[in-house]
Protein backbone atom coordinates (compact mmCIF):
# COMPACT_ATOMS: atom_id res chain seq x y z
CA MET A 1 14.26 -3.12 -4.96
CA PHE A 2 11.95 -5.05 -2.61
CA ALA A 3 10.57 -7.40 -5.26
CA PRO A 4 12.73 -10.41 -4.27
CA ILE A 5 11.55 -10.13 -0.66
CA VAL A 6 7.93 -9.80 -1.74
CA VAL A 7 8.23 -12.84 -4.02
CA LEU A 8 9.85 -14.86 -1.22
CA VAL A 9 7.12 -13.93 1.27
CA ARG A 10 4.43 -14.74 -1.31
CA THR A 11 6.03 -18.13 -1.93
CA CYS A 12 6.24 -18.92 1.79
CA LEU A 13 2.71 -17.77 2.67
CA GLY A 14 0.90 -18.86 -0.47
CA GLN A 15 -0.91 -16.60 -2.90
CA ALA A 16 -4.23 -16.41 -1.01
CA LYS A 17 -2.71 -15.58 2.40
CA PHE A 18 -0.28 -13.15 0.80
CA ASN A 19 -3.10 -11.29 -0.99
CA GLN A 20 -5.06 -11.10 2.25
CA LEU A 21 -2.06 -9.71 4.13
CA ARG A 22 -1.24 -7.27 1.33
CA GLY A 23 -4.84 -6.03 1.27
CA LYS A 24 -4.75 -5.37 5.01
CA GLY A 25 -1.48 -3.48 4.66
CA ILE A 26 -2.83 -1.34 1.83
CA ALA A 27 -6.01 -0.61 3.81
CA LEU A 28 -4.03 0.42 6.90
CA HIS A 29 -1.80 2.67 4.83
CA SER A 30 -4.82 4.33 3.21
CA GLN A 31 -6.38 4.85 6.65
CA VAL A 32 -3.22 6.58 7.88
CA ILE A 33 -3.19 8.86 4.83
CA THR A 34 -6.88 9.67 5.42
CA ALA A 35 -6.30 10.40 9.12
CA VAL A 36 -3.43 12.77 8.34
CA CYS A 37 -5.49 14.53 5.67
CA ASN A 38 -8.46 14.90 8.03
CA ARG A 39 -6.26 16.26 10.79
CA PHE A 40 -4.76 18.92 8.54
CA GLY A 41 -7.92 19.68 6.54
CA ILE A 42 -6.56 18.43 3.23
CA GLU A 43 -9.19 18.13 0.50
CA ARG A 44 -10.55 14.80 -0.70
CA THR A 45 -9.05 15.06 -4.17
CA THR A 46 -5.60 15.72 -2.73
CA ARG A 47 -6.02 12.72 -0.42
CA GLN A 48 -6.94 10.53 -3.39
CA ASN A 49 -3.85 11.76 -5.23
CA LEU A 50 -1.68 10.91 -2.21
CA ILE A 51 -3.10 7.38 -2.14
CA ARG A 52 -2.46 7.01 -5.88
CA THR A 53 1.10 8.26 -5.40
CA ALA A 54 1.64 5.71 -2.61
CA ARG A 55 0.38 2.96 -4.93
CA ASP A 56 2.63 4.08 -7.77
CA ASN A 57 5.66 4.29 -5.47
CA GLY A 58 4.87 0.81 -4.17
CA LYS A 59 4.93 -0.49 -7.72
CA LYS A 60 8.25 1.21 -8.46
CA LEU A 61 9.86 -0.14 -5.28
CA GLY A 62 8.59 -3.64 -5.93
CA PHE A 63 6.14 -3.93 -3.03
CA LEU A 64 3.40 -4.95 -5.46
CA ALA A 65 5.52 -7.54 -7.26
C-alpha cells in the first residue's frame, strides 16, 4: 500500500539517509510502545510482542519496502 511512497522517498533521499531516517522512526515508535506499556503495567514479553506486531504490520503495509 505505502511501498511506492517509501521507494520514492528512498530514491530522493538516498539509501544511507533513508536508512538513518527509518531507524529513527522505528526507534521512536518502539519508545512510544514502551512508554504505553510502562504506564499501564504491561509485561515485558507482551511489549516485545507488540513491537514485533508493529514490525510485521509495517512489512505488510509496505513501510519497510
